[in-house]
N, C-alpha and C. Protein backbone atom coordinates (compact mmCIF):
# COMPACT_ATOMS: atom_id res chain seq x y z
N UNK A 1 -294.27 30.44 24.01
CA UNK A 1 -293.64 30.01 24.07
C UNK A 1 -293.49 28.07 22.94
N UNK A 2 -294.86 27.77 22.56
CA UNK A 2 -295.28 26.80 22.27
C UNK A 2 -294.13 26.51 20.30
N UNK A 3 -294.16 28.07 20.34
CA UNK A 3 -293.09 28.12 18.60
C UNK A 3 -291.71 28.61 18.82
N UNK A 4 -291.20 27.74 18.66
CA UNK A 4 -289.10 27.67 19.64
C UNK A 4 -288.41 27.44 20.49
N UNK A 5 -287.59 27.74 21.05
CA UNK A 5 -287.09 26.45 22.02
C UNK A 5 -287.26 27.76 22.93
N UNK A 6 -287.69 27.08 23.78
CA UNK A 6 -288.30 28.16 25.22
C UNK A 6 -287.02 28.26 26.22
N UNK A 7 -286.78 29.25 26.77
CA UNK A 7 -285.87 29.92 27.57
C UNK A 7 -285.14 28.57 29.09
N UNK A 8 -286.29 27.82 28.99
CA UNK A 8 -285.29 26.41 29.96
C UNK A 8 -284.37 26.14 28.76
N UNK A 9 -285.59 25.07 28.18
CA UNK A 9 -284.42 24.49 26.74
C UNK A 9 -282.84 25.29 26.48
N UNK A 10 -283.24 26.98 26.63
CA UNK A 10 -281.56 27.85 26.15
C UNK A 10 -280.76 27.02 27.42
N UNK A 11 -280.93 27.46 28.66
CA UNK A 11 -280.78 27.08 29.68
C UNK A 11 -279.69 26.06 29.92
N UNK A 12 -280.16 25.14 29.58
CA UNK A 12 -280.03 23.27 30.34
C UNK A 12 -278.82 23.32 28.91
N UNK A 13 -279.69 23.59 27.81
CA UNK A 13 -278.66 22.98 26.04
C UNK A 13 -277.19 24.40 25.69
N UNK A 14 -277.30 25.62 26.18
CA UNK A 14 -276.23 26.23 25.60
C UNK A 14 -275.77 26.94 27.02
N UNK A 15 -276.17 26.27 28.25
CA UNK A 15 -275.46 27.27 29.43
C UNK A 15 -275.05 26.27 30.12
N UNK A 16 -276.07 25.20 30.47
CA UNK A 16 -275.40 23.92 31.23
C UNK A 16 -274.54 23.25 31.10
N UNK A 17 -275.08 22.55 29.47
CA UNK A 17 -274.00 21.54 28.44
C UNK A 17 -273.18 22.33 27.40
N UNK A 18 -273.43 23.93 27.45
CA UNK A 18 -272.70 24.45 26.27
C UNK A 18 -272.20 25.49 26.86
N UNK A 19 -271.60 25.78 28.52
CA UNK A 19 -271.10 26.94 29.08
C UNK A 19 -270.87 27.69 28.42
N UNK A 20 -272.13 28.74 27.33
CA UNK A 20 -271.61 29.76 27.43
C UNK A 20 -272.49 30.62 28.92
N UNK A 21 -271.50 30.50 29.40
CA UNK A 21 -272.03 31.34 30.54
C UNK A 21 -272.91 32.99 29.97
N UNK A 22 -271.99 33.90 29.02
CA UNK A 22 -272.49 35.35 29.22
C UNK A 22 -273.91 35.11 28.84
N UNK A 23 -274.88 33.97 28.37
CA UNK A 23 -276.11 34.21 28.26
C UNK A 23 -276.73 34.48 29.49
N UNK A 24 -276.98 34.01 30.69
CA UNK A 24 -276.88 33.95 31.42
C UNK A 24 -278.20 35.86 31.72
N UNK A 25 -276.63 36.94 31.48
CA UNK A 25 -277.08 38.25 31.65
C UNK A 25 -278.32 38.38 30.61
N UNK A 26 -278.40 38.04 28.91
CA UNK A 26 -278.89 37.88 27.99
C UNK A 26 -280.73 37.21 28.51
N UNK A 27 -280.69 36.12 29.13
CA UNK A 27 -281.63 35.54 29.47
C UNK A 27 -282.06 35.62 30.61
N UNK A 28 -281.48 36.66 31.40
CA UNK A 28 -282.05 36.99 33.03
C UNK A 28 -282.38 38.53 33.31
N UNK A 29 -283.76 38.86 34.14
CA UNK A 29 -283.79 40.22 34.46
C UNK A 29 -282.94 40.37 34.83
N UNK A 30 -282.34 41.85 35.17
CA UNK A 30 -281.30 41.91 36.31
C UNK A 30 -281.46 42.34 37.90
N UNK A 31 -283.52 41.34 38.34
CA UNK A 31 -283.95 41.49 39.55
C UNK A 31 -284.23 40.01 39.57
N UNK A 32 -283.72 39.26 38.67
CA UNK A 32 -284.18 38.00 38.83
C UNK A 32 -283.58 37.77 40.29
N UNK A 33 -285.00 36.97 40.81
CA UNK A 33 -285.02 36.04 41.96
C UNK A 33 -285.42 34.54 41.85
N UNK A 34 -284.81 33.24 42.10
CA UNK A 34 -284.17 31.78 42.27
C UNK A 34 -285.03 31.72 43.69
N UNK A 35 -285.53 30.74 43.36
CA UNK A 35 -286.19 30.12 44.66
C UNK A 35 -285.54 29.35 45.38
N UNK A 36 -284.68 28.73 44.80
CA UNK A 36 -284.56 27.53 45.02
C UNK A 36 -282.69 27.54 45.20
N UNK A 37 -281.70 27.02 46.39
CA UNK A 37 -280.41 27.10 46.68
C UNK A 37 -280.44 26.08 46.09
N UNK A 38 -280.10 25.66 45.25
CA UNK A 38 -279.05 24.29 44.83
C UNK A 38 -277.87 23.66 45.34
N UNK A 39 -276.90 24.72 45.60
CA UNK A 39 -275.96 24.03 46.24
C UNK A 39 -275.77 25.41 47.60
N UNK A 40 -274.95 24.35 48.38
CA UNK A 40 -274.50 25.24 49.74
C UNK A 40 -274.21 26.54 49.54
N UNK A 41 -273.81 27.96 49.93
CA UNK A 41 -272.95 28.58 49.47
C UNK A 41 -273.62 29.67 48.10
N UNK A 42 -274.24 28.95 47.73
CA UNK A 42 -274.74 29.60 46.27
C UNK A 42 -275.19 30.67 46.17
N UNK A 43 -274.85 32.03 45.85
CA UNK A 43 -275.64 33.29 46.79
C UNK A 43 -277.19 33.71 45.77
N UNK A 44 -277.24 34.68 46.11
CA UNK A 44 -278.72 34.84 45.42
C UNK A 44 -278.65 35.28 43.66
N UNK A 45 -279.51 35.30 43.20
CA UNK A 45 -280.05 36.73 41.59
C UNK A 45 -278.27 35.63 40.64
N UNK A 46 -278.42 36.49 39.59
CA UNK A 46 -277.50 35.93 38.66
C UNK A 46 -276.27 35.59 38.97
N UNK A 47 -275.74 36.07 39.88
CA UNK A 47 -274.11 35.53 40.60
C UNK A 47 -274.65 34.13 41.08
N UNK A 48 -276.13 33.41 41.69
CA UNK A 48 -276.35 32.22 42.04
C UNK A 48 -276.34 31.49 40.29
N UNK A 49 -276.80 31.80 39.44
CA UNK A 49 -277.00 30.69 38.39
C UNK A 49 -275.44 30.72 38.35
N UNK A 50 -274.22 31.38 38.15
CA UNK A 50 -273.51 31.39 37.51
C UNK A 50 -272.95 30.25 38.48
N UNK A 51 -272.54 30.98 40.18
CA UNK A 51 -271.63 30.11 41.09
C UNK A 51 -272.53 28.21 40.87
N UNK A 52 -274.03 27.76 39.59
CA UNK A 52 -274.58 26.92 40.39
C UNK A 52 -273.80 26.83 38.51
N UNK A 53 -274.10 26.98 38.05
CA UNK A 53 -272.86 26.59 36.44
C UNK A 53 -271.60 26.29 36.20
N UNK A 54 -270.90 27.18 37.18
CA UNK A 54 -269.54 26.78 36.77
C UNK A 54 -269.35 25.68 38.24
N UNK A 55 -270.02 24.94 39.38
CA UNK A 55 -270.20 24.04 40.23
C UNK A 55 -270.40 22.74 39.51
N UNK A 56 -271.31 23.06 39.29
CA UNK A 56 -272.11 21.73 38.58
C UNK A 56 -271.42 20.84 36.94
N UNK A 57 -270.52 22.02 35.85
CA UNK A 57 -269.22 22.00 34.61
C UNK A 57 -268.41 21.66 35.59
N UNK A 58 -267.91 22.11 36.74
CA UNK A 58 -266.16 21.63 37.47
C UNK A 58 -266.58 20.84 37.70
N UNK A 59 -267.54 20.13 38.16
CA UNK A 59 -267.57 18.31 38.71
C UNK A 59 -267.84 17.45 37.79
N UNK A 60 -268.63 17.88 36.78
CA UNK A 60 -269.30 16.69 35.81
C UNK A 60 -268.89 17.58 34.40
N UNK A 61 -267.56 17.99 33.99
CA UNK A 61 -267.19 18.91 32.41
C UNK A 61 -268.01 18.20 31.31
N UNK A 62 -268.12 16.88 31.49
CA UNK A 62 -269.16 16.29 30.47
C UNK A 62 -270.26 16.04 30.30
N UNK A 63 -271.35 16.67 31.20
CA UNK A 63 -272.58 17.33 31.30
C UNK A 63 -273.41 17.16 29.87
N UNK A 64 -274.25 15.89 29.72
CA UNK A 64 -275.27 15.73 28.85
C UNK A 64 -276.70 16.66 29.59
N UNK A 65 -277.29 16.43 28.11
CA UNK A 65 -278.86 16.30 28.49
C UNK A 65 -278.97 15.40 28.30
N UNK A 66 -279.62 14.31 28.81
CA UNK A 66 -280.42 13.50 27.98
C UNK A 66 -281.57 13.01 28.19
N UNK A 67 -282.68 13.38 28.44
CA UNK A 67 -284.22 14.28 27.80
C UNK A 67 -283.93 15.70 28.65
N UNK A 68 -285.17 16.23 27.66
CA UNK A 68 -285.49 17.43 28.75
C UNK A 68 -287.13 17.22 27.93
N UNK A 69 -287.96 17.20 29.12
CA UNK A 69 -289.59 17.57 28.10
C UNK A 69 -289.97 18.83 28.82
N UNK A 70 -290.27 19.67 28.15
CA UNK A 70 -291.11 21.10 28.22
C UNK A 70 -292.83 20.32 28.54
N UNK A 71 -292.95 20.97 29.84
CA UNK A 71 -294.28 19.99 30.34
C UNK A 71 -295.67 21.20 30.39
N UNK A 72 -295.35 22.69 30.32
CA UNK A 72 -295.45 24.06 30.66
C UNK A 72 -295.28 24.90 29.96
N UNK A 73 -295.79 25.26 28.82
CA UNK A 73 -295.48 26.75 28.23
C UNK A 73 -297.26 27.50 28.20
N UNK A 74 -296.99 28.27 28.97
CA UNK A 74 -298.27 28.76 29.31
C UNK A 74 -298.65 30.01 29.73
N UNK A 75 -298.56 31.17 28.34
CA UNK A 75 -298.80 33.15 29.21
C UNK A 75 -297.27 32.95 29.98
N UNK A 76 -297.30 33.66 30.85
CA UNK A 76 -295.96 33.68 31.43
C UNK A 76 -295.16 32.95 32.02
N UNK A 77 -295.40 31.73 32.53
CA UNK A 77 -294.78 30.86 32.86
C UNK A 77 -294.24 29.32 31.59
N UNK A 78 -293.31 28.74 32.09
CA UNK A 78 -292.45 28.05 31.79
C UNK A 78 -292.01 26.64 32.79
N UNK A 79 -292.10 25.04 32.13
CA UNK A 79 -291.53 23.88 33.41
C UNK A 79 -291.31 22.96 31.90
N UNK A 80 -290.76 22.08 33.18
CA UNK A 80 -289.26 21.26 32.46
C UNK A 80 -289.41 20.48 33.31
N UNK A 81 -289.21 19.14 32.79
CA UNK A 81 -288.74 18.34 33.49
C UNK A 81 -287.01 17.80 33.20
N UNK A 82 -286.19 17.41 33.81
CA UNK A 82 -284.78 16.87 32.33
C UNK A 82 -284.08 16.23 33.14
N UNK A 83 -283.28 15.28 33.14
CA UNK A 83 -282.21 14.46 33.13
C UNK A 83 -281.21 15.03 32.99
N UNK A 84 -280.21 14.51 33.36
CA UNK A 84 -278.91 14.71 32.97
C UNK A 84 -277.85 13.95 33.38
N UNK A 85 -277.09 13.73 32.50
CA UNK A 85 -275.90 12.36 32.90
C UNK A 85 -274.38 13.46 32.63
N UNK A 86 -273.63 12.53 33.38
CA UNK A 86 -272.45 12.72 33.58
C UNK A 86 -271.18 12.02 33.81
N UNK A 87 -269.84 12.57 33.92
CA UNK A 87 -268.55 11.93 34.35
C UNK A 87 -268.40 12.73 36.03
N UNK A 88 -268.07 12.38 37.10
CA UNK A 88 -267.85 13.01 38.47
C UNK A 88 -266.63 13.08 38.20
N UNK A 89 -266.16 14.53 37.58
CA UNK A 89 -264.68 14.34 37.56
C UNK A 89 -263.60 15.55 38.05
N UNK A 90 -265.16 16.58 39.02
CA UNK A 90 -264.58 17.48 39.98
C UNK A 90 -265.34 17.26 40.74
N UNK A 91 -264.02 18.15 41.89
CA UNK A 91 -264.90 18.64 43.05
C UNK A 91 -266.62 18.89 43.31
N UNK A 92 -267.42 18.42 44.21
CA UNK A 92 -269.60 18.58 44.38
C UNK A 92 -269.44 18.66 45.19
N UNK A 93 -269.71 20.00 45.69
CA UNK A 93 -270.38 20.14 47.27
C UNK A 93 -269.49 19.12 48.16
N UNK A 94 -268.11 19.97 47.92
CA UNK A 94 -266.79 19.14 48.85
C UNK A 94 -266.63 17.77 48.41
N UNK A 95 -267.10 16.91 47.73
CA UNK A 95 -267.27 15.55 47.69
C UNK A 95 -266.15 15.50 46.11
N UNK A 96 -264.78 15.36 46.39
CA UNK A 96 -263.64 14.97 45.46
C UNK A 96 -263.92 13.85 43.93
N UNK A 97 -263.76 13.94 43.36
CA UNK A 97 -263.84 13.12 42.23
C UNK A 97 -263.72 11.74 42.87
N UNK A 98 -265.76 11.31 42.14
CA UNK A 98 -264.96 9.82 42.30
C UNK A 98 -265.15 8.97 40.61
N UNK A 99 -264.81 9.92 39.88
CA UNK A 99 -265.37 8.49 38.95
C UNK A 99 -266.24 8.26 37.69
N UNK A 100 -267.09 8.53 38.48
CA UNK A 100 -268.49 7.39 38.83
C UNK A 100 -269.65 8.21 37.99
N UNK A 101 -270.35 7.40 37.12
CA UNK A 101 -270.96 8.32 36.17
C UNK A 101 -272.28 8.41 36.57
N UNK A 102 -272.83 9.82 36.55
CA UNK A 102 -274.05 9.83 37.43
C UNK A 102 -275.17 10.49 35.97
N UNK A 103 -276.42 9.99 36.62
CA UNK A 103 -277.72 10.50 35.84
C UNK A 103 -278.85 10.86 36.93
N UNK A 104 -278.79 12.08 36.60
CA UNK A 104 -279.92 12.76 38.16
C UNK A 104 -280.90 13.86 37.09
N UNK A 105 -281.66 13.79 37.73
CA UNK A 105 -282.89 14.90 37.27
C UNK A 105 -283.25 16.38 38.29
N UNK A 106 -283.74 17.28 37.33
CA UNK A 106 -284.65 17.64 37.89
C UNK A 106 -286.36 18.42 37.99
N UNK A 107 -286.43 19.29 37.94
CA UNK A 107 -288.18 19.86 37.50
C UNK A 107 -287.97 21.73 37.54
N UNK A 108 -288.24 22.23 36.80
CA UNK A 108 -287.95 23.75 36.86
C UNK A 108 -289.45 24.53 36.34
N UNK A 109 -289.43 25.46 37.10
CA UNK A 109 -290.92 26.20 36.71
C UNK A 109 -290.00 28.07 36.71
N UNK A 110 -290.48 28.69 35.85
CA UNK A 110 -289.53 29.59 35.26
C UNK A 110 -290.78 30.52 35.28
N UNK A 111 -291.44 32.05 35.52
CA UNK A 111 -291.83 33.74 35.42
C UNK A 111 -290.63 34.19 34.60
N UNK A 112 -291.77 34.20 33.24
CA UNK A 112 -291.04 35.22 32.01
C UNK A 112 -291.33 36.88 32.49
N UNK A 113 -290.19 37.62 31.72
CA UNK A 113 -291.37 38.96 32.42
C UNK A 113 -290.68 40.01 30.84
N UNK A 114 -291.06 39.60 29.80
CA UNK A 114 -290.20 40.64 28.60
C UNK A 114 -289.24 40.14 27.66
N UNK A 115 -290.07 38.23 28.04
CA UNK A 115 -288.71 37.71 27.04
C UNK A 115 -288.10 36.99 27.63
N UNK A 116 -287.41 36.90 28.98
CA UNK A 116 -286.46 37.12 29.94
C UNK A 116 -286.95 36.07 31.10
N UNK A 117 -286.31 35.65 32.16
CA UNK A 117 -286.42 35.51 33.21
C UNK A 117 -286.13 36.10 34.34
N UNK A 118 -287.33 36.02 34.81
CA UNK A 118 -287.84 36.73 35.78
C UNK A 118 -287.36 36.43 37.47
N UNK A 119 -287.86 34.56 37.94
CA UNK A 119 -288.62 34.15 38.65
C UNK A 119 -288.20 32.66 38.50
N UNK A 120 -287.50 31.77 39.83
CA UNK A 120 -287.45 30.48 38.85
C UNK A 120 -287.58 29.50 40.01
N UNK A 121 -288.17 27.95 40.25
CA UNK A 121 -288.34 27.20 41.47
C UNK A 121 -287.84 26.54 40.63
N UNK A 122 -287.34 25.16 41.63
CA UNK A 122 -286.82 24.12 40.30
C UNK A 122 -286.71 22.86 42.94
N UNK A 123 -286.30 21.81 41.33
CA UNK A 123 -286.16 21.20 42.85
C UNK A 123 -284.70 20.54 41.96
N UNK A 124 -283.98 19.68 42.55
CA UNK A 124 -283.37 19.29 42.23
C UNK A 124 -283.26 17.56 42.83
N UNK A 125 -282.96 16.75 42.19
CA UNK A 125 -282.89 15.54 42.90
C UNK A 125 -281.16 15.44 43.35
N UNK A 126 -281.29 15.51 44.65
CA UNK A 126 -279.56 15.79 45.61
C UNK A 126 -279.28 14.64 45.57
N UNK A 127 -280.40 13.90 46.18
CA UNK A 127 -280.35 12.66 47.41
C UNK A 127 -279.60 11.58 46.49
N UNK A 128 -279.80 11.54 45.24
CA UNK A 128 -279.76 10.53 44.52
C UNK A 128 -278.64 11.02 43.91
N UNK A 129 -278.15 11.48 43.21
CA UNK A 129 -276.62 12.26 43.10
C UNK A 129 -275.61 12.39 44.32
N UNK A 130 -275.71 12.33 45.70
CA UNK A 130 -274.58 12.54 46.28
C UNK A 130 -274.89 10.96 47.07
N UNK A 131 -275.72 10.28 46.04
CA UNK A 131 -275.90 8.64 46.54
C UNK A 131 -274.79 8.23 45.53
N UNK A 132 -274.50 9.09 44.23
CA UNK A 132 -274.45 8.07 42.97
C UNK A 132 -272.27 8.53 43.21
N UNK A 133 -272.62 9.47 43.65
CA UNK A 133 -271.07 10.26 43.93
C UNK A 133 -270.69 9.60 44.96
N UNK A 134 -270.72 8.82 46.29
CA UNK A 134 -270.78 8.11 46.82
C UNK A 134 -270.96 9.01 48.50
N UNK A 135 -270.77 10.24 48.64
CA UNK A 135 -271.65 10.90 49.46
C UNK A 135 -272.02 10.28 50.99
N UNK A 136 -273.29 9.80 50.05
CA UNK A 136 -273.69 9.54 50.97
C UNK A 136 -273.92 7.63 51.26
N UNK A 137 -274.70 7.04 51.64
CA UNK A 137 -275.15 5.16 51.72
C UNK A 137 -276.22 5.00 50.70
N UNK A 138 -276.18 4.91 49.65
CA UNK A 138 -277.35 4.37 49.17
C UNK A 138 -278.29 3.03 49.94
């Protein structure tokens, strides 16, 4: 993965920021396993990825990558840390739009199989995000 754009970078730039949900099928194996349930009610597999992307893009339609730092691309593993920004303009996990500007981060690790994502492990700083949209006190 050292040469060219990694799968995680494509996910954030083209799917999260760009909204191209068709790429989910192109970039993931059919039996994709996500070890992170980032949002309540998120289903497993590719449907879960679509659910997550749709929810985040609905809540933050102007979502942008502030930074993405690939920290590992070795063999069949890839990892990165990403910082995202946006305006809370839609419902997020039951919290109505506040108009607040947010900045939150996450760390992702993926296992690649035949050039596609087979497994994902990740963490998102949901505490900070929920504080920024007023769902919980700071």
